[in-house]
Amino acid sequence: MDRVLNERPGVRAVTIQKVQAAIEELGYVRDTAAANLARQKTYRFVFVLPDWKGQFLASLEKGISEIITNAPQDRTEVRTIRVPNHDHTELAATLAGLKPRDVDGLAIMAKETPLVRDAIADLSKRGIPVVSLVSDQPNSDRDHFVGIDNVAAGRTAGTLLGRFTGGRHGKVVVVITNKQSRDMIERRHGFDQVVSAEYAHLEPLPSVEGQEDPAHTEAVTLRALQQNKDVIGVYSVGASVQAIARAIASADLPQRPVLIDHELTENSSALLRDGVIDAIITQNTGHLARSALRVLRAKCDKTPVIKSQENIRIDIVLRENLTSMK
């Protein structure tokens, strides 16, 4: 029985079937932690993140670093690989270079592209569990997604903007990071859903793309604001909010637009405190990192993922509750 439970070689198929049948009949629950300790099992996990600069990524890396600090006592090795955000070929090559003998599981934050989907399929075939992080890869062979429900987050942004504008008619400038990230697509989809259904006084404009470049974000946002002086709201889906704030200040609009942002950072906190941002929709980066680690362990051990534990909560931060959210 021990050889079957610990997947050791040299056991006949008929024996494996008999042991598994007996386990099911007895309702036996394996102590995975004890088994791993007996086998001197060490988990080897990799986080693959984009290399673009930003406080949200820095916060996520901090959460991963906290895991690394505590990892040895949990018999876990964790390392982070940064990959150029616009070089899908290099990202695919990096994933292809990961070997099952060196990696037990992978968490990845990346744009959803054909190259990335193929690379994840290859990892799956080679027996390496893959968790998509923050931005999902739903059309790939990934094993699990760790992050908020981004459609719900977009719907939340639409509701906040609709209520904060108080029934005034006008246009909404929507600024996204890029058009390939699934989180951007889903947030915009959720936003449009709720605005079209419940806030007919708002007219969302086509998304402008910041391309992970603050200077470009400021330029395209300023252009959109200058071309639409009747803007009453701005939805920052994930772009540089400091750049958006500078564009708003330069646009010389008749009235200050309501600004809804995503992710609580030092920059967004300061703008919220100063009344430039009206509300921030955020997620706990420490929870993201810990959840990814727990899910990868469960996939390695072939045990169920505890859905309630891995549900990443959507938080809404206003100036009035800013201190309590830090």
C-alpha atoms as a PDB file:
ATOM      1  CA  MET A   1       0.000   0.000   0.000  1.00  0.00           C
ATOM      2  CA  ASP A   2       2.828   2.409   0.867  1.00  0.00           C
ATOM      3  CA  ARG A   3       4.376   1.988  -2.579  1.00  0.00           C
ATOM      4  CA  VAL A   4       1.062   2.754  -4.282  1.00  0.00           C
ATOM      5  CA  LEU A   5       0.248   5.794  -2.131  1.00  0.00           C
ATOM      6  CA  ASN A   6       3.672   7.292  -2.696  1.00  0.00           C
ATOM      7  CA  GLU A   7       3.655   6.441  -6.429  1.00  0.00           C
ATOM      8  CA  ARG A   8       6.854   4.440  -6.231  1.00  0.00           C
ATOM      9  CA  PRO A   9       7.871   2.370  -9.274  1.00  0.00           C
ATOM     10  CA  GLY A  10       7.731  -1.414  -9.606  1.00  0.00           C
ATOM     11  CA  VAL A  11       4.068  -1.939  -8.628  1.00  0.00           C
ATOM     12  CA  ARG A  12       1.846  -3.995 -10.931  1.00  0.00           C
ATOM     13  CA  ALA A  13      -1.211  -2.294 -12.409  1.00  0.00           C
ATOM     14  CA  VAL A  14      -3.572  -4.891 -10.928  1.00  0.00           C
ATOM     15  CA  THR A  15      -2.115  -4.209  -7.454  1.00  0.00           C
ATOM     16  CA  ILE A  16      -2.586  -0.450  -7.885  1.00  0.00           C
ATOM     17  CA  GLN A  17      -6.236  -0.999  -8.826  1.00  0.00           C
ATOM     18  CA  LYS A  18      -6.872  -3.219  -5.777  1.00  0.00           C
ATOM     19  CA  VAL A  19      -5.275  -0.729  -3.385  1.00  0.00           C
ATOM     20  CA  GLN A  20      -7.204   2.195  -4.870  1.00  0.00           C
ATOM     21  CA  ALA A  21     -10.468   0.249  -4.591  1.00  0.00           C
ATOM     22  CA  ALA A  22      -9.723  -0.536  -0.932  1.00  0.00           C
ATOM     23  CA  ILE A  23      -8.901   3.125  -0.225  1.00  0.00           C
ATOM     24  CA  GLU A  24     -12.211   4.216  -1.718  1.00  0.00           C
ATOM     25  CA  GLU A  25     -14.178   1.593   0.215  1.00  0.00           C
ATOM     26  CA  LEU A  26     -12.547   2.471   3.547  1.00  0.00           C
ATOM     27  CA  GLY A  27     -12.792   6.223   2.998  1.00  0.00           C
ATOM     28  CA  TYR A  28      -9.075   6.544   3.706  1.00  0.00           C
ATOM     29  CA  VAL A  29      -7.724  10.135   3.616  1.00  0.00           C
ATOM     30  CA  ARG A  30      -4.023  10.349   2.978  1.00  0.00           C
ATOM     31  CA  ASP A  31      -1.864  12.610   5.180  1.00  0.00           C
ATOM     32  CA  THR A  32      -0.050  14.338   2.333  1.00  0.00           C
ATOM     33  CA  ALA A  33       2.172  16.441   4.597  1.00  0.00           C
ATOM     34  CA  ALA A  34       3.403  13.360   6.466  1.00  0.00           C
ATOM     35  CA  ALA A  35       3.979  11.506   3.202  1.00  0.00           C
ATOM     36  CA  ASN A  36       6.014  14.389   1.765  1.00  0.00           C
ATOM     37  CA  LEU A  37       8.050  14.599   4.941  1.00  0.00           C
ATOM     38  CA  ALA A  38       8.770  10.870   4.801  1.00  0.00           C
ATOM     39  CA  ARG A  39       9.880  11.163   1.170  1.00  0.00           C
ATOM     40  CA  GLN A  40      11.880  14.350   1.888  1.00  0.00           C
ATOM     41  CA  LYS A  41       9.703  15.973  -0.754  1.00  0.00           C
ATOM     42  CA  THR A  42      10.443  19.628  -1.542  1.00  0.00           C
ATOM     43  CA  TYR A  43       8.108  21.659  -3.752  1.00  0.00           C
ATOM     44  CA  ARG A  44       9.825  23.758  -6.445  1.00  0.00           C
ATOM     45  CA  PHE A  45       7.602  26.546  -7.732  1.00  0.00           C
ATOM     46  CA  VAL A  46       8.228  29.360 -10.198  1.00  0.00           C
ATOM     47  CA  PHE A  47       6.402  32.685 -10.573  1.00  0.00           C
ATOM     48  CA  VAL A  48       6.703  34.187 -14.070  1.00  0.00           C
ATOM     49  CA  LEU A  49       5.896  37.913 -14.122  1.00  0.00           C
ATOM     50  CA  PRO A  50       6.144  40.706 -16.726  1.00  0.00           C
ATOM     51  CA  ASP A  51       9.146  42.975 -16.385  1.00  0.00           C
ATOM     52  CA  TRP A  52       7.260  46.271 -16.656  1.00  0.00           C
ATOM     53  CA  LYS A  53       7.672  48.663 -13.777  1.00  0.00           C
ATOM     54  CA  GLY A  54       4.716  49.464 -11.607  1.00  0.00           C
ATOM     55  CA  GLN A  55       3.748  49.578  -7.968  1.00  0.00           C
ATOM     56  CA  PHE A  56       1.170  46.809  -8.289  1.00  0.00           C
ATOM     57  CA  LEU A  57       3.844  44.419  -9.612  1.00  0.00           C
ATOM     58  CA  ALA A  58       6.192  45.566  -6.862  1.00  0.00           C
ATOM     59  CA  SER A  59       3.499  44.817  -4.284  1.00  0.00           C
ATOM     60  CA  LEU A  60       2.900  41.379  -5.800  1.00  0.00           C
ATOM     61  CA  GLU A  61       6.634  40.646  -5.725  1.00  0.00           C
ATOM     62  CA  LYS A  62       6.693  41.700  -2.074  1.00  0.00           C
ATOM     63  CA  GLY A  63       3.971  39.144  -1.377  1.00  0.00           C
ATOM     64  CA  ILE A  64       6.009  36.478  -3.165  1.00  0.00           C
ATOM     65  CA  SER A  65       9.119  37.513  -1.211  1.00  0.00           C
ATOM     66  CA  GLU A  66       7.230  36.967   2.045  1.00  0.00           C
ATOM     67  CA  ILE A  67       6.411  33.462   0.837  1.00  0.00           C
ATOM     68  CA  ILE A  68      10.070  32.831   0.009  1.00  0.00           C
ATOM     69  CA  THR A  69      11.077  33.906   3.525  1.00  0.00           C
ATOM     70  CA  ASN A  70       8.782  31.281   5.078  1.00  0.00           C
ATOM     71  CA  ALA A  71       9.141  28.679   2.329  1.00  0.00           C
ATOM     72  CA  PRO A  72      12.060  26.586   3.682  1.00  0.00           C
ATOM     73  CA  GLN A  73      10.115  25.523   6.778  1.00  0.00           C
ATOM     74  CA  ASP A  74       7.314  24.368   4.470  1.00  0.00           C
ATOM     75  CA  ARG A  75       9.769  22.368   2.338  1.00  0.00           C
ATOM     76  CA  THR A  76       9.163  24.734  -0.562  1.00  0.00           C
ATOM     77  CA  GLU A  77      11.496  26.526  -2.958  1.00  0.00           C
ATOM     78  CA  VAL A  78      10.097  29.586  -4.738  1.00  0.00           C
ATOM     79  CA  ARG A  79      11.762  31.727  -7.381  1.00  0.00           C
ATOM     80  CA  THR A  80      10.591  34.557  -9.624  1.00  0.00           C
ATOM     81  CA  ILE A  81      11.404  35.039 -13.307  1.00  0.00           C
ATOM     82  CA  ARG A  82      10.803  38.399 -14.980  1.00  0.00           C
ATOM     83  CA  VAL A  83      10.148  38.254 -18.732  1.00  0.00           C
ATOM     84  CA  PRO A  84       9.844  41.164 -21.224  1.00  0.00           C
ATOM     85  CA  ASN A  85       6.162  42.023 -21.426  1.00  0.00           C
ATOM     86  CA  HIS A  86       6.124  42.630 -25.184  1.00  0.00           C
ATOM     87  CA  ASP A  87       8.377  39.744 -26.218  1.00  0.00           C
ATOM     88  CA  HIS A  88       6.009  36.791 -26.489  1.00  0.00           C
ATOM     89  CA  THR A  89       8.691  34.690 -28.202  1.00  0.00           C
ATOM     90  CA  GLU A  90      11.083  35.056 -25.265  1.00  0.00           C
ATOM     91  CA  LEU A  91       8.280  34.280 -22.821  1.00  0.00           C
ATOM     92  CA  ALA A  92       7.410  31.102 -24.736  1.00  0.00           C
ATOM     93  CA  ALA A  93      11.093  30.118 -24.848  1.00  0.00           C
ATOM     94  CA  THR A  94      11.413  30.687 -21.094  1.00  0.00           C
ATOM     95  CA  LEU A  95       8.431  28.429 -20.406  1.00  0.00           C
ATOM     96  CA  ALA A  96       9.755  25.787 -22.814  1.00  0.00           C
ATOM     97  CA  GLY A  97      13.049  25.762 -20.914  1.00  0.00           C
ATOM     98  CA  LEU A  98      11.426  24.765 -17.623  1.00  0.00           C
ATOM     99  CA  LYS A  99      11.918  21.049 -16.936  1.00  0.00           C
ATOM    100  CA  PRO A 100       9.782  18.751 -14.733  1.00  0.00           C
ATOM    101  CA  ARG A 101      12.931  17.642 -12.894  1.00  0.00           C
ATOM    102  CA  ASP A 102      13.469  21.259 -11.774  1.00  0.00           C
ATOM    103  CA  VAL A 103       9.929  22.675 -11.496  1.00  0.00           C
ATOM    104  CA  ASP A 104       6.868  21.217  -9.769  1.00  0.00           C
ATOM    105  CA  GLY A 105       4.482  24.050 -10.622  1.00  0.00           C
ATOM    106  CA  LEU A 106       4.234  27.439 -12.282  1.00  0.00           C
ATOM    107  CA  ALA A 107       2.241  30.639 -11.653  1.00  0.00           C
ATOM    108  CA  ILE A 108       2.177  33.031 -14.598  1.00  0.00           C
ATOM    109  CA  MET A 109       0.977  36.578 -15.170  1.00  0.00           C
ATOM    110  CA  ALA A 110       1.004  37.259 -18.907  1.00  0.00           C
ATOM    111  CA  LYS A 111      -1.023  38.410 -21.875  1.00  0.00           C
ATOM    112  CA  GLU A 112      -3.161  35.743 -23.500  1.00  0.00           C
ATOM    113  CA  THR A 113      -1.554  35.073 -26.889  1.00  0.00           C
ATOM    114  CA  PRO A 114      -1.335  31.970 -29.119  1.00  0.00           C
ATOM    115  CA  LEU A 115       2.355  31.549 -28.234  1.00  0.00           C
ATOM    116  CA  VAL A 116       1.624  31.632 -24.504  1.00  0.00           C
ATOM    117  CA  ARG A 117      -1.312  29.221 -24.884  1.00  0.00           C
ATOM    118  CA  ASP A 118       0.907  26.773 -26.778  1.00  0.00           C
ATOM    119  CA  ALA A 119       3.630  27.063 -24.137  1.00  0.00           C
ATOM    120  CA  ILE A 120       1.137  26.352 -21.336  1.00  0.00           C
ATOM    121  CA  ALA A 121      -0.202  23.349 -23.265  1.00  0.00           C
ATOM    122  CA  ASP A 122       3.348  22.035 -23.546  1.00  0.00           C
ATOM    123  CA  LEU A 123       3.926  22.468 -19.791  1.00  0.00           C
ATOM    124  CA  SER A 124       0.690  20.592 -19.099  1.00  0.00           C
ATOM    125  CA  LYS A 125       1.756  17.715 -21.336  1.00  0.00           C
ATOM    126  CA  ARG A 126       5.023  17.517 -19.419  1.00  0.00           C
ATOM    127  CA  GLY A 127       3.160  17.267 -16.115  1.00  0.00           C
ATOM    128  CA  ILE A 128       3.840  20.764 -14.753  1.00  0.00           C
ATOM    129  CA  PRO A 129       0.720  22.352 -13.175  1.00  0.00           C
ATOM    130  CA  VAL A 130       0.089  25.937 -14.305  1.00  0.00           C
ATOM    131  CA  VAL A 131      -1.819  28.647 -12.451  1.00  0.00           C
ATOM    132  CA  SER A 132      -2.694  31.885 -14.241  1.00  0.00           C
ATOM    133  CA  LEU A 133      -2.266  34.852 -11.920  1.00  0.00           C
ATOM    134  CA  VAL A 134      -4.150  38.193 -11.901  1.00  0.00           C
ATOM    135  CA  SER A 135      -4.956  37.985 -15.629  1.00  0.00           C
ATOM    136  CA  ASP A 136      -6.535  34.694 -16.697  1.00  0.00           C
ATOM    137  CA  GLN A 137      -5.688  32.398 -19.608  1.00  0.00           C
ATOM    138  CA  PRO A 138      -9.121  30.720 -19.930  1.00  0.00           C
ATOM    139  CA  ASN A 139      -8.508  29.353 -23.438  1.00  0.00           C
ATOM    140  CA  SER A 140      -5.318  27.585 -22.390  1.00  0.00           C
ATOM    141  CA  ASP A 141      -4.642  24.329 -20.535  1.00  0.00           C
ATOM    142  CA  ARG A 142      -3.935  26.149 -17.273  1.00  0.00           C
ATOM    143  CA  ASP A 143      -5.086  24.293 -14.154  1.00  0.00           C
ATOM    144  CA  HIS A 144      -6.504  27.188 -12.139  1.00  0.00           C
ATOM    145  CA  PHE A 145      -6.923  30.956 -12.071  1.00  0.00           C
ATOM    146  CA  VAL A 146      -5.924  32.997  -9.027  1.00  0.00           C
ATOM    147  CA  GLY A 147      -7.303  36.535  -9.005  1.00  0.00           C
ATOM    148  CA  ILE A 148     -10.459  38.555  -8.661  1.00  0.00           C
ATOM    149  CA  ASP A 149     -13.461  38.107 -10.924  1.00  0.00           C
ATOM    150  CA  ASN A 150     -12.467  40.855 -13.367  1.00  0.00           C
ATOM    151  CA  VAL A 151     -15.902  41.052 -14.999  1.00  0.00           C
ATOM    152  CA  ALA A 152     -17.371  41.723 -11.542  1.00  0.00           C
ATOM    153  CA  ALA A 153     -14.619  44.272 -10.895  1.00  0.00           C
ATOM    154  CA  GLY A 154     -15.564  46.082 -14.112  1.00  0.00           C
ATOM    155  CA  ARG A 155     -19.242  46.009 -13.144  1.00  0.00           C
ATOM    156  CA  THR A 156     -18.267  47.481  -9.776  1.00  0.00           C
ATOM    157  CA  ALA A 157     -16.405  50.304 -11.539  1.00  0.00           C
ATOM    158  CA  GLY A 158     -19.458  51.022 -13.697  1.00  0.00           C
ATOM    159  CA  THR A 159     -21.729  51.124 -10.655  1.00  0.00           C
ATOM    160  CA  LEU A 160     -19.409  53.462  -8.764  1.00  0.00           C
ATOM    161  CA  LEU A 161     -19.038  55.801 -11.727  1.00  0.00           C
ATOM    162  CA  GLY A 162     -22.765  55.769 -12.378  1.00  0.00           C
ATOM    163  CA  ARG A 163     -23.573  56.688  -8.789  1.00  0.00           C
ATOM    164  CA  PHE A 164     -20.761  59.212  -8.315  1.00  0.00           C
ATOM    165  CA  THR A 165     -21.807  61.174 -11.415  1.00  0.00           C
ATOM    166  CA  GLY A 166     -25.235  61.649  -9.879  1.00  0.00           C
ATOM    167  CA  GLY A 167     -27.306  61.333 -13.043  1.00  0.00           C
ATOM    168  CA  ARG A 168     -25.372  63.968 -14.996  1.00  0.00           C
ATOM    169  CA  HIS A 169     -25.147  63.253 -18.736  1.00  0.00           C
ATOM    170  CA  GLY A 170     -21.726  63.013 -20.320  1.00  0.00           C
ATOM    171  CA  LYS A 171     -18.956  60.909 -21.763  1.00  0.00           C
ATOM    172  CA  VAL A 172     -16.528  58.551 -20.024  1.00  0.00           C
ATOM    173  CA  VAL A 173     -12.920  58.132 -21.093  1.00  0.00           C
ATOM    174  CA  VAL A 174     -11.730  54.550 -20.554  1.00  0.00           C
ATOM    175  CA  VAL A 175      -7.956  53.979 -20.310  1.00  0.00           C
ATOM    176  CA  ILE A 176      -6.585  50.429 -20.481  1.00  0.00           C
ATOM    177  CA  THR A 177      -3.047  49.075 -20.263  1.00  0.00           C
ATOM    178  CA  ASN A 178      -3.242  46.990 -23.440  1.00  0.00           C
ATOM    179  CA  LYS A 179      -5.786  45.154 -25.552  1.00  0.00           C
ATOM    180  CA  GLN A 180      -4.335  41.658 -25.069  1.00  0.00           C
ATOM    181  CA  SER A 181      -4.513  41.232 -21.297  1.00  0.00           C
ATOM    182  CA  ARG A 182      -7.564  39.236 -20.297  1.00  0.00           C
ATOM    183  CA  ASP A 183      -8.109  41.299 -17.134  1.00  0.00           C
ATOM    184  CA  MET A 184      -8.390  44.466 -19.234  1.00  0.00           C
ATOM    185  CA  ILE A 185     -10.851  42.806 -21.625  1.00  0.00           C
ATOM    186  CA  GLU A 186     -13.020  41.401 -18.826  1.00  0.00           C
ATOM    187  CA  ARG A 187     -13.080  44.618 -16.798  1.00  0.00           C
ATOM    188  CA  ARG A 188     -14.141  46.630 -19.837  1.00  0.00           C
ATOM    189  CA  HIS A 189     -16.804  44.023 -20.629  1.00  0.00           C
ATOM    190  CA  GLY A 190     -18.242  44.163 -17.099  1.00  0.00           C
ATOM    191  CA  PHE A 191     -18.133  47.962 -17.103  1.00  0.00           C
ATOM    192  CA  ASP A 192     -20.076  48.171 -20.366  1.00  0.00           C
ATOM    193  CA  GLN A 193     -22.604  45.616 -19.127  1.00  0.00           C
ATOM    194  CA  VAL A 194     -23.671  47.595 -16.088  1.00  0.00           C
ATOM    195  CA  VAL A 195     -23.443  51.049 -17.683  1.00  0.00           C
ATOM    196  CA  SER A 196     -25.621  50.096 -20.666  1.00  0.00           C
ATOM    197  CA  ALA A 197     -28.181  48.401 -18.422  1.00  0.00           C
ATOM    198  CA  GLU A 198     -28.405  50.875 -15.539  1.00  0.00           C
ATOM    199  CA  TYR A 199     -26.715  54.199 -16.337  1.00  0.00           C
ATOM    200  CA  ALA A 200     -28.013  55.484 -19.671  1.00  0.00           C
ATOM    201  CA  HIS A 201     -26.767  58.997 -18.822  1.00  0.00           C
ATOM    202  CA  LEU A 202     -23.171  57.795 -19.325  1.00  0.00           C
ATOM    203  CA  GLU A 203     -21.561  57.430 -22.758  1.00  0.00           C
ATOM    204  CA  PRO A 204     -18.386  55.311 -22.503  1.00  0.00           C
ATOM    205  CA  LEU A 205     -15.909  56.088 -25.301  1.00  0.00           C
ATOM    206  CA  PRO A 206     -13.736  53.477 -27.075  1.00  0.00           C
ATOM    207  CA  SER A 207     -10.773  52.414 -24.919  1.00  0.00           C
ATOM    208  CA  VAL A 208      -7.480  54.257 -25.274  1.00  0.00           C
ATOM    209  CA  GLU A 209      -4.387  52.122 -24.746  1.00  0.00           C
ATOM    210  CA  GLY A 210      -1.537  53.167 -22.458  1.00  0.00           C
ATOM    211  CA  GLN A 211       0.827  50.333 -23.517  1.00  0.00           C
ATOM    212  CA  GLU A 212       2.516  50.181 -20.087  1.00  0.00           C
ATOM    213  CA  ASP A 213       4.167  53.537 -20.844  1.00  0.00           C
ATOM    214  CA  PRO A 214       3.282  56.474 -18.539  1.00  0.00           C
ATOM    215  CA  ALA A 215       4.258  59.116 -21.125  1.00  0.00           C
ATOM    216  CA  HIS A 216       2.128  57.457 -23.792  1.00  0.00           C
ATOM    217  CA  THR A 217      -0.714  56.990 -21.316  1.00  0.00           C
ATOM    218  CA  GLU A 218      -0.673  60.686 -20.475  1.00  0.00           C
ATOM    219  CA  ALA A 219      -0.608  61.680 -24.151  1.00  0.00           C
ATOM    220  CA  VAL A 220      -3.500  59.474 -25.298  1.00  0.00           C
ATOM    221  CA  THR A 221      -5.594  60.360 -22.248  1.00  0.00           C
ATOM    222  CA  LEU A 222      -5.017  64.085 -22.730  1.00  0.00           C
ATOM    223  CA  ARG A 223      -5.967  63.796 -26.401  1.00  0.00           C
ATOM    224  CA  ALA A 224      -9.199  61.983 -25.528  1.00  0.00           C
ATOM    225  CA  LEU A 225     -10.076  64.591 -22.889  1.00  0.00           C
ATOM    226  CA  GLN A 226      -9.363  67.524 -25.207  1.00  0.00           C
ATOM    227  CA  GLN A 227     -11.493  65.998 -27.947  1.00  0.00           C
ATOM    228  CA  ASN A 228     -14.386  65.440 -25.539  1.00  0.00           C
ATOM    229  CA  LYS A 229     -14.830  68.445 -23.284  1.00  0.00           C
ATOM    230  CA  ASP A 230     -18.133  67.039 -22.014  1.00  0.00           C
ATOM    231  CA  VAL A 231     -16.333  64.182 -20.231  1.00  0.00           C
ATOM    232  CA  ILE A 232     -17.709  63.651 -16.738  1.00  0.00           C
ATOM    233  CA  GLY A 233     -15.876  60.435 -15.866  1.00  0.00           C
ATOM    234  CA  VAL A 234     -12.611  58.591 -16.382  1.00  0.00           C
ATOM    235  CA  TYR A 235     -12.197  54.856 -15.812  1.00  0.00           C
ATOM    236  CA  SER A 236      -8.594  53.788 -15.275  1.00  0.00           C
ATOM    237  CA  VAL A 237      -8.837  50.065 -16.016  1.00  0.00           C
ATOM    238  CA  GLY A 238      -5.201  49.364 -15.198  1.00  0.00           C
ATOM    239  CA  ALA A 239      -2.997  52.048 -16.736  1.00  0.00           C
ATOM    240  CA  SER A 240      -0.656  54.491 -14.954  1.00  0.00           C
ATOM    241  CA  VAL A 241      -3.041  56.522 -12.819  1.00  0.00           C
ATOM    242  CA  GLN A 242      -0.418  59.217 -12.187  1.00  0.00           C
ATOM    243  CA  ALA A 243      -0.212  59.778 -15.950  1.00  0.00           C
ATOM    244  CA  ILE A 244      -4.002  59.932 -16.164  1.00  0.00           C
ATOM    245  CA  ALA A 245      -4.097  62.442 -13.289  1.00  0.00           C
ATOM    246  CA  ARG A 246      -1.562  64.652 -15.079  1.00  0.00           C
ATOM    247  CA  ALA A 247      -3.674  64.511 -18.251  1.00  0.00           C
ATOM    248  CA  ILE A 248      -6.796  65.540 -16.323  1.00  0.00           C
ATOM    249  CA  ALA A 249      -4.921  68.469 -14.761  1.00  0.00           C
ATOM    250  CA  SER A 250      -3.689  69.628 -18.195  1.00  0.00           C
ATOM    251  CA  ALA A 251      -6.981  69.215 -20.051  1.00  0.00           C
ATOM    252  CA  ASP A 252      -8.649  72.328 -18.580  1.00  0.00           C
ATOM    253  CA  LEU A 253     -12.071  70.687 -18.423  1.00  0.00           C
ATOM    254  CA  PRO A 254     -15.210  72.614 -17.376  1.00  0.00           C
ATOM    255  CA  GLN A 255     -15.600  70.280 -14.394  1.00  0.00           C
ATOM    256  CA  ARG A 256     -13.438  67.701 -12.638  1.00  0.00           C
ATOM    257  CA  PRO A 257     -14.324  64.233 -13.940  1.00  0.00           C
ATOM    258  CA  VAL A 258     -15.071  61.385 -11.564  1.00  0.00           C
ATOM    259  CA  LEU A 259     -12.038  59.062 -11.612  1.00  0.00           C
ATOM    260  CA  ILE A 260     -12.298  55.360 -10.747  1.00  0.00           C
ATOM    261  CA  ASP A 261      -9.057  53.356 -10.551  1.00  0.00           C
ATOM    262  CA  HIS A 262      -7.855  49.806  -9.945  1.00  0.00           C
ATOM    263  CA  GLU A 263      -5.255  48.605  -7.411  1.00  0.00           C
ATOM    264  CA  LEU A 264      -4.255  50.316  -4.185  1.00  0.00           C
ATOM    265  CA  THR A 265      -0.657  51.573  -4.399  1.00  0.00           C
ATOM    266  CA  GLU A 266       1.317  54.446  -2.892  1.00  0.00           C
ATOM    267  CA  ASN A 267       0.566  56.587  -5.950  1.00  0.00           C
ATOM    268  CA  SER A 268      -3.152  55.837  -6.082  1.00  0.00           C
ATOM    269  CA  SER A 269      -3.449  56.276  -2.302  1.00  0.00           C
ATOM    270  CA  ALA A 270      -1.957  59.765  -2.547  1.00  0.00           C
ATOM    271  CA  LEU A 271      -4.315  60.721  -5.390  1.00  0.00           C
ATOM    272  CA  LEU A 272      -7.295  59.333  -3.471  1.00  0.00           C
ATOM    273  CA  ARG A 273      -6.299  61.323  -0.401  1.00  0.00           C
ATOM    274  CA  ASP A 274      -6.004  64.494  -2.520  1.00  0.00           C
ATOM    275  CA  GLY A 275      -9.461  64.013  -4.053  1.00  0.00           C
ATOM    276  CA  VAL A 276      -8.203  63.320  -7.578  1.00  0.00           C
ATOM    277  CA  ILE A 277      -9.379  59.684  -7.464  1.00  0.00           C
ATOM    278  CA  ASP A 278     -12.888  59.046  -6.150  1.00  0.00           C
ATOM    279  CA  ALA A 279     -12.646  55.281  -5.538  1.00  0.00           C
ATOM    280  CA  ILE A 280     -10.177  52.419  -5.989  1.00  0.00           C
ATOM    281  CA  ILE A 281     -11.117  48.808  -6.691  1.00  0.00           C
ATOM    282  CA  THR A 282      -8.367  46.577  -5.378  1.00  0.00           C
ATOM    283  CA  GLN A 283      -7.223  43.060  -4.452  1.00  0.00           C
ATOM    284  CA  ASN A 284      -4.824  41.858  -1.774  1.00  0.00           C
ATOM    285  CA  THR A 285      -1.488  40.972  -3.405  1.00  0.00           C
ATOM    286  CA  GLY A 286      -0.338  38.947  -0.399  1.00  0.00           C
ATOM    287  CA  HIS A 287      -3.481  36.820  -0.702  1.00  0.00           C
ATOM    288  CA  LEU A 288      -2.783  36.399  -4.431  1.00  0.00           C
ATOM    289  CA  ALA A 289       0.719  35.079  -3.784  1.00  0.00           C
ATOM    290  CA  ARG A 290      -0.290  32.760  -0.935  1.00  0.00           C
ATOM    291  CA  SER A 291      -3.285  31.452  -2.861  1.00  0.00           C
ATOM    292  CA  ALA A 292      -1.176  30.640  -5.923  1.00  0.00           C
ATOM    293  CA  LEU A 293       1.219  28.681  -3.715  1.00  0.00           C
ATOM    294  CA  ARG A 294      -1.576  26.711  -2.012  1.00  0.00           C
ATOM    295  CA  VAL A 295      -3.241  25.898  -5.342  1.00  0.00           C
ATOM    296  CA  LEU A 296       0.041  24.684  -6.839  1.00  0.00           C
ATOM    297  CA  ARG A 297       0.620  22.444  -3.823  1.00  0.00           C
ATOM    298  CA  ALA A 298      -2.886  21.022  -4.171  1.00  0.00           C
ATOM    299  CA  LYS A 299      -2.318  20.323  -7.859  1.00  0.00           C
ATOM    300  CA  CYS A 300       0.980  18.599  -7.113  1.00  0.00           C
ATOM    301  CA  ASP A 301      -0.590  16.509  -4.354  1.00  0.00           C
ATOM    302  CA  LYS A 302      -3.743  15.829  -6.405  1.00  0.00           C
ATOM    303  CA  THR A 303      -5.917  17.164  -3.585  1.00  0.00           C
ATOM    304  CA  PRO A 304      -8.963  19.465  -3.911  1.00  0.00           C
ATOM    305  CA  VAL A 305      -8.574  23.224  -4.009  1.00  0.00           C
ATOM    306  CA  ILE A 306     -10.524  24.861  -1.166  1.00  0.00           C
ATOM    307  CA  LYS A 307     -12.580  27.363  -3.166  1.00  0.00           C
ATOM    308  CA  SER A 308     -13.631  29.522  -0.220  1.00  0.00           C
ATOM    309  CA  GLN A 309     -10.012  29.911   0.883  1.00  0.00           C
ATOM    310  CA  GLU A 310      -8.812  30.845  -2.603  1.00  0.00           C
ATOM    311  CA  ASN A 311     -11.593  33.324  -3.378  1.00  0.00           C
ATOM    312  CA  ILE A 312      -9.795  36.647  -3.930  1.00  0.00           C
ATOM    313  CA  ARG A 313     -12.041  39.406  -2.615  1.00  0.00           C
ATOM    314  CA  ILE A 314     -12.834  42.630  -4.482  1.00  0.00           C
ATOM    315  CA  ASP A 315     -12.289  45.574  -2.128  1.00  0.00           C
ATOM    316  CA  ILE A 316     -13.502  49.149  -2.632  1.00  0.00           C
ATOM    317  CA  VAL A 317     -11.345  51.899  -1.126  1.00  0.00           C
ATOM    318  CA  LEU A 318     -12.610  55.435  -0.525  1.00  0.00           C
ATOM    319  CA  ARG A 319     -10.777  58.303   1.113  1.00  0.00           C
ATOM    320  CA  GLU A 320     -12.845  57.633   4.251  1.00  0.00           C
ATOM    321  CA  ASN A 321     -11.552  54.036   4.672  1.00  0.00           C
ATOM    322  CA  LEU A 322      -8.088  54.462   3.166  1.00  0.00           C
ATOM    323  CA  THR A 323      -6.193  54.078   6.457  1.00  0.00           C
ATOM    324  CA  SER A 324      -7.984  50.852   7.379  1.00  0.00           C
ATOM    325  CA  MET A 325      -7.173  49.274   3.999  1.00  0.00           C
ATOM    326  CA  LYS A 326      -3.399  49.663   4.263  1.00  0.00           C
END
